[in-house]
Amino acid sequence: MRTPRSKFLKVRCRDCGSVQIVFSHASTMVRCFVCGSTIAMPRGGKAKINGEIVEVLG
């Protein structure tokens, strides 16, 4: 049985320091809820994370 490669990530925003949960294979641009800066950009597979990954969730 195959295991999924995608995960949810807790990511800290580089600009304001707030933490939010992002899908590792996000298909849309993810912006910070507080300051609006880009946290994740889609890349056709794994998203490019523009912040510090604090924790990997299941």
N, C-alpha and C. Protein backbone atom coordinates (compact mmCIF):
# COMPACT_ATOMS: atom_id res chain seq x y z
N MET A 1 0.84 -1.18 0.00
CA MET A 1 0.00 0.00 0.00
C MET A 1 0.89 1.25 0.00
N ARG A 2 0.52 2.21 -0.82
CA ARG A 2 1.31 3.44 -0.93
C ARG A 2 0.92 4.43 0.15
N THR A 3 1.87 5.19 0.62
CA THR A 3 1.60 6.24 1.59
C THR A 3 1.63 7.59 0.90
N PRO A 4 0.80 8.53 1.31
CA PRO A 4 0.79 9.85 0.66
C PRO A 4 2.06 10.63 0.96
N ARG A 5 2.50 11.40 -0.02
CA ARG A 5 3.70 12.23 0.16
C ARG A 5 3.36 13.64 0.63
N SER A 6 2.10 14.02 0.51
CA SER A 6 1.69 15.36 0.91
C SER A 6 1.43 15.42 2.40
N LYS A 7 1.67 16.58 2.97
CA LYS A 7 1.47 16.78 4.40
C LYS A 7 0.97 18.20 4.63
N PHE A 8 0.50 18.44 5.83
CA PHE A 8 0.17 19.79 6.25
C PHE A 8 1.35 20.33 7.03
N LEU A 9 1.65 21.61 6.84
CA LEU A 9 2.81 22.23 7.47
C LEU A 9 2.39 23.45 8.27
N LYS A 10 2.97 23.63 9.45
CA LYS A 10 2.82 24.89 10.18
C LYS A 10 3.95 25.78 9.71
N VAL A 11 3.60 26.93 9.13
CA VAL A 11 4.60 27.82 8.54
C VAL A 11 4.53 29.18 9.22
N ARG A 12 5.70 29.72 9.58
CA ARG A 12 5.79 31.04 10.20
C ARG A 12 6.09 32.07 9.12
N CYS A 13 5.32 33.13 9.08
CA CYS A 13 5.49 34.20 8.11
C CYS A 13 6.81 34.93 8.37
N ARG A 14 7.56 35.21 7.31
CA ARG A 14 8.84 35.91 7.46
C ARG A 14 8.66 37.36 7.87
N ASP A 15 7.55 37.98 7.46
CA ASP A 15 7.36 39.41 7.73
C ASP A 15 6.80 39.71 9.11
N CYS A 16 5.72 39.00 9.50
CA CYS A 16 5.07 39.36 10.76
C CYS A 16 5.22 38.30 11.87
N GLY A 17 5.66 37.09 11.52
CA GLY A 17 5.90 36.06 12.52
C GLY A 17 4.68 35.24 12.91
N SER A 18 3.53 35.48 12.28
CA SER A 18 2.35 34.68 12.62
C SER A 18 2.50 33.28 12.01
N VAL A 19 1.82 32.31 12.62
CA VAL A 19 1.91 30.92 12.18
C VAL A 19 0.57 30.49 11.61
N GLN A 20 0.60 29.82 10.47
CA GLN A 20 -0.63 29.26 9.91
C GLN A 20 -0.34 27.92 9.26
N ILE A 21 -1.37 27.12 9.05
CA ILE A 21 -1.23 25.78 8.49
C ILE A 21 -1.43 25.85 6.98
N VAL A 22 -0.50 25.22 6.24
CA VAL A 22 -0.49 25.24 4.78
C VAL A 22 -0.34 23.80 4.29
N PHE A 23 -1.00 23.46 3.17
CA PHE A 23 -0.87 22.16 2.54
C PHE A 23 0.43 22.15 1.73
N SER A 24 1.21 21.07 1.83
CA SER A 24 2.53 21.02 1.18
C SER A 24 2.44 21.05 -0.34
N HIS A 25 1.32 20.60 -0.91
CA HIS A 25 1.14 20.60 -2.36
C HIS A 25 0.03 21.59 -2.74
N ALA A 26 0.09 22.80 -2.20
CA ALA A 26 -0.94 23.81 -2.46
C ALA A 26 -1.01 24.13 -3.94
N SER A 27 -2.23 24.22 -4.46
CA SER A 27 -2.42 24.49 -5.89
C SER A 27 -2.76 25.95 -6.16
N THR A 28 -2.93 26.74 -5.10
CA THR A 28 -3.16 28.17 -5.24
C THR A 28 -2.18 28.92 -4.35
N MET A 29 -2.00 30.21 -4.64
CA MET A 29 -1.10 31.02 -3.83
C MET A 29 -1.71 31.21 -2.44
N VAL A 30 -0.90 31.00 -1.41
CA VAL A 30 -1.36 31.14 -0.03
C VAL A 30 -0.75 32.40 0.56
N ARG A 31 -1.60 33.27 1.10
CA ARG A 31 -1.14 34.52 1.70
C ARG A 31 -1.35 34.50 3.21
N CYS A 32 -0.53 35.26 3.91
CA CYS A 32 -0.62 35.37 5.36
C CYS A 32 -1.94 36.04 5.73
N PHE A 33 -2.61 35.52 6.75
CA PHE A 33 -3.87 36.11 7.19
C PHE A 33 -3.67 37.49 7.82
N VAL A 34 -2.51 37.72 8.43
CA VAL A 34 -2.27 38.95 9.17
C VAL A 34 -1.76 40.07 8.26
N CYS A 35 -0.65 39.83 7.54
CA CYS A 35 -0.02 40.90 6.77
C CYS A 35 -0.21 40.79 5.26
N GLY A 36 -0.67 39.64 4.77
CA GLY A 36 -0.95 39.50 3.35
C GLY A 36 0.23 39.12 2.47
N SER A 37 1.40 38.86 3.05
CA SER A 37 2.55 38.45 2.24
C SER A 37 2.38 37.00 1.79
N THR A 38 3.07 36.63 0.72
CA THR A 38 2.94 35.29 0.15
C THR A 38 3.70 34.28 1.00
N ILE A 39 3.01 33.22 1.41
CA ILE A 39 3.62 32.17 2.23
C ILE A 39 3.97 30.96 1.37
N ALA A 40 3.09 30.61 0.42
CA ALA A 40 3.33 29.44 -0.44
C ALA A 40 2.90 29.75 -1.87
N MET A 41 3.73 29.29 -2.83
CA MET A 41 3.42 29.48 -4.24
C MET A 41 3.35 28.11 -4.91
N PRO A 42 2.34 27.87 -5.76
CA PRO A 42 2.23 26.57 -6.43
C PRO A 42 3.34 26.39 -7.46
N ARG A 43 3.82 25.15 -7.61
CA ARG A 43 4.89 24.83 -8.55
C ARG A 43 4.55 23.61 -9.41
N GLY A 44 3.28 23.25 -9.51
CA GLY A 44 2.89 22.10 -10.31
C GLY A 44 3.04 20.78 -9.58
N GLY A 45 3.37 20.82 -8.34
CA GLY A 45 3.55 19.64 -7.49
C GLY A 45 3.67 20.15 -6.08
N LYS A 46 4.86 20.05 -5.53
CA LYS A 46 5.10 20.62 -4.21
C LYS A 46 5.13 22.14 -4.29
N ALA A 47 4.52 22.79 -3.32
CA ALA A 47 4.51 24.25 -3.30
C ALA A 47 5.84 24.78 -2.78
N LYS A 48 6.23 25.97 -3.24
CA LYS A 48 7.43 26.63 -2.73
C LYS A 48 7.02 27.40 -1.49
N ILE A 49 7.60 27.06 -0.36
CA ILE A 49 7.27 27.68 0.92
C ILE A 49 8.18 28.87 1.15
N ASN A 50 7.59 30.05 1.35
CA ASN A 50 8.35 31.28 1.58
C ASN A 50 8.29 31.68 3.04
N GLY A 51 8.62 30.79 3.91
CA GLY A 51 8.59 31.05 5.34
C GLY A 51 9.33 29.93 6.05
N GLU A 52 9.30 29.99 7.36
CA GLU A 52 9.98 28.97 8.17
C GLU A 52 8.98 27.87 8.52
N ILE A 53 9.33 26.62 8.19
CA ILE A 53 8.47 25.49 8.55
C ILE A 53 8.70 25.18 10.03
N VAL A 54 7.66 25.37 10.82
CA VAL A 54 7.76 25.19 12.27
C VAL A 54 7.54 23.72 12.64
N GLU A 55 6.55 23.09 11.98
CA GLU A 55 6.19 21.70 12.33
C GLU A 55 5.55 21.02 11.13
N VAL A 56 5.77 19.72 11.00
CA VAL A 56 5.12 18.93 9.96
C VAL A 56 4.02 18.13 10.63
N LEU A 57 2.80 18.29 10.13
CA LEU A 57 1.64 17.61 10.71
C LEU A 57 1.24 16.44 9.84
N GLY A 58 1.24 15.25 10.40
CA GLY A 58 0.80 14.02 9.76
C GLY A 58 0.80 14.06 8.33
